[in-house]
Amino acid sequence: MRLTIIPSDGLVSVNKVAILDLTLTNIPANIHAIQWYETQGEIEFTDGTPNQPITVLPDWAINAESVWQVAYDASIAPPPAPLPPTADQNKALAASKLYQTDWTTISDVSDPSKSNPYLMNVADFTAYRNQIRQIAINPVAGNIDWVVEPTPKWSN
C-alpha cells in the first residue's frame, strides 16, 4: 500500500486515490506529511525537524487510512435503488401524458376536409387517453406499466 497524508490539505491518498476535506484528528500539529511505501516510509515535519524514517505506521496514520477507507467505500458504493413513485407522482405523470396528447382531441386534426394532412388513427389516441385518464382519476402508488402512446398516422 502506498499511503500519503498531508494534514494541512485534508488529504489522505491510498495507492494514488485521494480523498480530500477529511477531518483529520489526533495528528500532531508539527506534521507536514507522511509518505508510506508498503513496509517503510518517512514523516515530514513543519518545524524544521529532519524527516523521520519509519517502519511502522503511527496510530494517527492508521486512523486516517481508516477514515479514507470509509470515504472511499462510500464513493464506489452503488446508488440506492430509487423509491417507487407515489400516487401523486403517478397522477402528475398521467396528467402530463394527457397534456402531451391533448392535440389529438381537436376535431379538425382528424377531419380530412379541415386538415391536410389529417390524423388517421385518432381512435388509437382516444383509447390511449382513456387508459391514462383512469390513472389520473384513480392514481396508485408504485411502478406502473404505462400503456405506450400510439404513433400518429397521417394521410393527405
C-alpha atoms as a PDB file:
ATOM      1  CA  MET A   1       0.000   0.000   0.000  1.00  0.00           C
ATOM      2  CA  ARG A   2       1.180   3.493  -0.800  1.00  0.00           C
ATOM      3  CA  LEU A   3      -0.135   5.995   1.745  1.00  0.00           C
ATOM      4  CA  THR A   4       0.251   9.775   1.720  1.00  0.00           C
ATOM      5  CA  ILE A   5      -1.253  12.025   4.372  1.00  0.00           C
ATOM      6  CA  ILE A   6      -0.999  15.817   4.248  1.00  0.00           C
ATOM      7  CA  PRO A   7      -2.999  17.157   7.222  1.00  0.00           C
ATOM      8  CA  SER A   8      -2.912  20.827   6.178  1.00  0.00           C
ATOM      9  CA  ASP A   9      -4.626  19.890   2.893  1.00  0.00           C
ATOM     10  CA  GLY A  10      -7.010  17.401   4.490  1.00  0.00           C
ATOM     11  CA  LEU A  11      -5.580  14.831   2.087  1.00  0.00           C
ATOM     12  CA  VAL A  12      -5.322  11.099   2.522  1.00  0.00           C
ATOM     13  CA  SER A  13      -4.188   9.166  -0.543  1.00  0.00           C
ATOM     14  CA  VAL A  14      -4.011   5.389  -0.752  1.00  0.00           C
ATOM     15  CA  ASN A  15      -2.458   3.893  -3.872  1.00  0.00           C
ATOM     16  CA  LYS A  16      -2.847   7.259  -5.632  1.00  0.00           C
ATOM     17  CA  VAL A  17      -6.586   7.508  -4.869  1.00  0.00           C
ATOM     18  CA  ALA A  18      -7.097  10.694  -2.864  1.00  0.00           C
ATOM     19  CA  ILE A  19      -9.894  11.738  -0.552  1.00  0.00           C
ATOM     20  CA  LEU A  20      -9.967  15.424   0.350  1.00  0.00           C
ATOM     21  CA  ASP A  21     -11.571  17.552   3.029  1.00  0.00           C
ATOM     22  CA  LEU A  22     -11.412  14.923   5.715  1.00  0.00           C
ATOM     23  CA  THR A  23     -11.427  15.921   9.330  1.00  0.00           C
ATOM     24  CA  LEU A  24      -8.079  14.519  10.331  1.00  0.00           C
ATOM     25  CA  THR A  25      -7.843  14.252  14.093  1.00  0.00           C
ATOM     26  CA  ASN A  26      -5.114  13.327  16.533  1.00  0.00           C
ATOM     27  CA  ILE A  27      -2.364  14.203  14.076  1.00  0.00           C
ATOM     28  CA  PRO A  28       0.469  16.036  15.793  1.00  0.00           C
ATOM     29  CA  ALA A  29       0.496  19.725  14.889  1.00  0.00           C
ATOM     30  CA  ASN A  30       4.079  19.660  13.578  1.00  0.00           C
ATOM     31  CA  ILE A  31       3.388  17.037  10.887  1.00  0.00           C
ATOM     32  CA  HIS A  32       3.598  18.211   7.285  1.00  0.00           C
ATOM     33  CA  ALA A  33       3.133  14.808   5.658  1.00  0.00           C
ATOM     34  CA  ILE A  34       3.709  11.109   5.862  1.00  0.00           C
ATOM     35  CA  GLN A  35       4.863   9.070   2.895  1.00  0.00           C
ATOM     36  CA  TRP A  36       4.489   5.291   3.238  1.00  0.00           C
ATOM     37  CA  TYR A  37       5.650   2.699   0.690  1.00  0.00           C
ATOM     38  CA  GLU A  38       4.463  -0.844   1.531  1.00  0.00           C
ATOM     39  CA  THR A  39       6.701  -1.515   4.565  1.00  0.00           C
ATOM     40  CA  GLN A  40       8.531   1.736   5.239  1.00  0.00           C
ATOM     41  CA  GLY A  41       8.249   5.458   4.895  1.00  0.00           C
ATOM     42  CA  GLU A  42       9.015   8.792   6.449  1.00  0.00           C
ATOM     43  CA  ILE A  43       7.350  11.543   8.341  1.00  0.00           C
ATOM     44  CA  GLU A  44       7.945  15.134   7.203  1.00  0.00           C
ATOM     45  CA  PHE A  45       7.705  17.925   9.758  1.00  0.00           C
ATOM     46  CA  THR A  46       6.789  21.623   9.624  1.00  0.00           C
ATOM     47  CA  ASP A  47       9.033  22.763  12.477  1.00  0.00           C
ATOM     48  CA  GLY A  48      12.449  22.068  10.981  1.00  0.00           C
ATOM     49  CA  THR A  49      12.738  18.588  12.476  1.00  0.00           C
ATOM     50  CA  PRO A  50      14.530  16.342   9.976  1.00  0.00           C
ATOM     51  CA  ASN A  51      12.404  13.760   8.170  1.00  0.00           C
ATOM     52  CA  GLN A  52      11.940  10.669  10.321  1.00  0.00           C
ATOM     53  CA  PRO A  53      12.239   7.233   8.683  1.00  0.00           C
ATOM     54  CA  ILE A  54       9.591   4.790   9.920  1.00  0.00           C
ATOM     55  CA  THR A  55       8.910   1.068   9.547  1.00  0.00           C
ATOM     56  CA  VAL A  56       5.610   1.102  11.466  1.00  0.00           C
ATOM     57  CA  LEU A  57       2.706   3.413  10.790  1.00  0.00           C
ATOM     58  CA  PRO A  58       1.791   5.618  13.753  1.00  0.00           C
ATOM     59  CA  ASP A  59      -1.719   5.225  15.166  1.00  0.00           C
ATOM     60  CA  TRP A  60      -2.819   8.596  13.753  1.00  0.00           C
ATOM     61  CA  ALA A  61      -1.849   7.444  10.246  1.00  0.00           C
ATOM     62  CA  ILE A  62      -3.738   4.171  10.671  1.00  0.00           C
ATOM     63  CA  ASN A  63      -6.782   6.181  11.818  1.00  0.00           C
ATOM     64  CA  ALA A  64      -6.507   8.488   8.796  1.00  0.00           C
ATOM     65  CA  GLU A  65      -6.279   5.466   6.482  1.00  0.00           C
ATOM     66  CA  SER A  66      -9.434   4.079   8.140  1.00  0.00           C
ATOM     67  CA  VAL A  67     -11.236   7.379   7.519  1.00  0.00           C
ATOM     68  CA  TRP A  68     -10.054   7.206   3.891  1.00  0.00           C
ATOM     69  CA  GLN A  69     -11.377   3.642   3.557  1.00  0.00           C
ATOM     70  CA  VAL A  70     -14.844   4.615   4.785  1.00  0.00           C
ATOM     71  CA  ALA A  71     -14.971   7.593   2.392  1.00  0.00           C
ATOM     72  CA  TYR A  72     -13.626   5.510  -0.496  1.00  0.00           C
ATOM     73  CA  ASP A  73     -16.127   2.697   0.092  1.00  0.00           C
ATOM     74  CA  ALA A  74     -18.959   5.232   0.133  1.00  0.00           C
ATOM     75  CA  SER A  75     -17.719   6.785  -3.120  1.00  0.00           C
ATOM     76  CA  ILE A  76     -17.786   3.482  -5.014  1.00  0.00           C
ATOM     77  CA  ALA A  77     -20.968   2.083  -3.500  1.00  0.00           C
ATOM     78  CA  PRO A  78     -23.832   1.716  -5.963  1.00  0.00           C
ATOM     79  CA  PRO A  79     -26.519   4.356  -5.504  1.00  0.00           C
ATOM     80  CA  PRO A  80     -29.560   3.227  -3.560  1.00  0.00           C
ATOM     81  CA  ALA A  81     -32.448   1.928  -5.605  1.00  0.00           C
ATOM     82  CA  PRO A  82     -34.947   4.678  -6.362  1.00  0.00           C
ATOM     83  CA  LEU A  83     -38.134   4.660  -4.362  1.00  0.00           C
ATOM     84  CA  PRO A  84     -41.256   3.633  -6.262  1.00  0.00           C
ATOM     85  CA  PRO A  85     -43.362   6.591  -7.365  1.00  0.00           C
ATOM     86  CA  THR A  86     -46.055   7.870  -5.057  1.00  0.00           C
ATOM     87  CA  ALA A  87     -49.681   8.067  -6.126  1.00  0.00           C
ATOM     88  CA  ASP A  88     -49.264  11.844  -6.535  1.00  0.00           C
ATOM     89  CA  GLN A  89     -46.229  11.359  -8.777  1.00  0.00           C
ATOM     90  CA  ASN A  90     -48.112   8.849 -10.938  1.00  0.00           C
ATOM     91  CA  LYS A  91     -51.069  11.237 -11.111  1.00  0.00           C
ATOM     92  CA  ALA A  92     -48.760  14.061 -12.239  1.00  0.00           C
ATOM     93  CA  LEU A  93     -47.177  11.843 -14.896  1.00  0.00           C
ATOM     94  CA  ALA A  94     -50.610  10.768 -16.143  1.00  0.00           C
ATOM     95  CA  ALA A  95     -51.671  14.417 -16.341  1.00  0.00           C
ATOM     96  CA  SER A  96     -48.511  15.190 -18.315  1.00  0.00           C
ATOM     97  CA  LYS A  97     -49.190  12.327 -20.741  1.00  0.00           C
ATOM     98  CA  LEU A  98     -52.731  13.608 -21.258  1.00  0.00           C
ATOM     99  CA  TYR A  99     -51.470  17.145 -21.800  1.00  0.00           C
ATOM    100  CA  GLN A 100     -48.949  15.946 -24.391  1.00  0.00           C
ATOM    101  CA  THR A 101     -51.716  14.292 -26.413  1.00  0.00           C
ATOM    102  CA  ASP A 102     -54.407  16.955 -25.997  1.00  0.00           C
ATOM    103  CA  TRP A 103     -53.848  17.991 -29.616  1.00  0.00           C
ATOM    104  CA  THR A 104     -55.375  14.684 -30.757  1.00  0.00           C
ATOM    105  CA  THR A 105     -58.769  15.706 -29.327  1.00  0.00           C
ATOM    106  CA  ILE A 106     -59.153  18.722 -31.613  1.00  0.00           C
ATOM    107  CA  SER A 107     -61.762  17.673 -34.149  1.00  0.00           C
ATOM    108  CA  ASP A 108     -60.058  19.447 -37.064  1.00  0.00           C
ATOM    109  CA  VAL A 109     -56.927  17.263 -36.647  1.00  0.00           C
ATOM    110  CA  SER A 110     -58.758  14.151 -37.830  1.00  0.00           C
ATOM    111  CA  ASP A 111     -61.106  15.776 -40.353  1.00  0.00           C
ATOM    112  CA  PRO A 112     -59.784  15.430 -43.934  1.00  0.00           C
ATOM    113  CA  SER A 113     -61.918  18.371 -45.059  1.00  0.00           C
ATOM    114  CA  LYS A 114     -60.291  20.679 -42.474  1.00  0.00           C
ATOM    115  CA  SER A 115     -56.756  19.364 -42.112  1.00  0.00           C
ATOM    116  CA  ASN A 116     -54.214  18.273 -44.668  1.00  0.00           C
ATOM    117  CA  PRO A 117     -52.603  16.051 -43.616  1.00  0.00           C
ATOM    118  CA  TYR A 118     -55.094  14.634 -41.133  1.00  0.00           C
ATOM    119  CA  LEU A 119     -54.690  12.166 -38.261  1.00  0.00           C
ATOM    120  CA  MET A 120     -55.945   8.731 -39.325  1.00  0.00           C
ATOM    121  CA  ASN A 121     -55.631   6.885 -36.017  1.00  0.00           C
ATOM    122  CA  VAL A 122     -57.488   9.208 -33.666  1.00  0.00           C
ATOM    123  CA  ALA A 123     -59.279   6.146 -32.197  1.00  0.00           C
ATOM    124  CA  ASP A 124     -55.911   4.773 -31.031  1.00  0.00           C
ATOM    125  CA  PHE A 125     -55.233   8.034 -29.225  1.00  0.00           C
ATOM    126  CA  THR A 126     -58.720   8.053 -27.707  1.00  0.00           C
ATOM    127  CA  ALA A 127     -58.181   4.542 -26.292  1.00  0.00           C
ATOM    128  CA  TYR A 128     -54.726   5.501 -25.031  1.00  0.00           C
ATOM    129  CA  ARG A 129     -56.002   8.640 -23.348  1.00  0.00           C
ATOM    130  CA  ASN A 130     -58.874   6.725 -21.705  1.00  0.00           C
ATOM    131  CA  GLN A 131     -56.403   4.332 -20.087  1.00  0.00           C
ATOM    132  CA  ILE A 132     -54.154   7.190 -18.939  1.00  0.00           C
ATOM    133  CA  ARG A 133     -57.147   9.138 -17.656  1.00  0.00           C
ATOM    134  CA  GLN A 134     -58.092   6.227 -15.364  1.00  0.00           C
ATOM    135  CA  ILE A 135     -54.702   6.545 -13.670  1.00  0.00           C
ATOM    136  CA  ALA A 136     -55.110  10.329 -13.390  1.00  0.00           C
ATOM    137  CA  ILE A 137     -58.530   9.887 -11.780  1.00  0.00           C
ATOM    138  CA  ASN A 138     -57.602   6.958  -9.526  1.00  0.00           C
ATOM    139  CA  PRO A 139     -53.836   7.193  -9.019  1.00  0.00           C
ATOM    140  CA  VAL A 140     -51.962   4.396  -7.294  1.00  0.00           C
ATOM    141  CA  ALA A 141     -48.509   4.300  -5.781  1.00  0.00           C
ATOM    142  CA  GLY A 142     -45.806   2.087  -7.234  1.00  0.00           C
ATOM    143  CA  ASN A 143     -44.383   1.295 -10.613  1.00  0.00           C
ATOM    144  CA  ILE A 144     -46.963   1.263 -13.388  1.00  0.00           C
ATOM    145  CA  ASP A 145     -46.709  -0.491 -16.727  1.00  0.00           C
ATOM    146  CA  TRP A 146     -47.758   2.531 -18.742  1.00  0.00           C
ATOM    147  CA  VAL A 147     -49.584   1.942 -21.977  1.00  0.00           C
ATOM    148  CA  VAL A 148     -47.472   3.008 -24.959  1.00  0.00           C
ATOM    149  CA  GLU A 149     -48.507   6.193 -26.702  1.00  0.00           C
ATOM    150  CA  PRO A 150     -49.596   5.495 -30.290  1.00  0.00           C
ATOM    151  CA  THR A 151     -47.551   6.807 -33.170  1.00  0.00           C
ATOM    152  CA  PRO A 152     -49.507   9.342 -35.219  1.00  0.00           C
ATOM    153  CA  LYS A 153     -50.501   8.101 -38.672  1.00  0.00           C
ATOM    154  CA  TRP A 154     -51.087  10.873 -41.177  1.00  0.00           C
ATOM    155  CA  SER A 155     -52.741  10.911 -44.554  1.00  0.00           C
ATOM    156  CA  ASN A 156     -53.386  13.525 -47.252  1.00  0.00           C
END
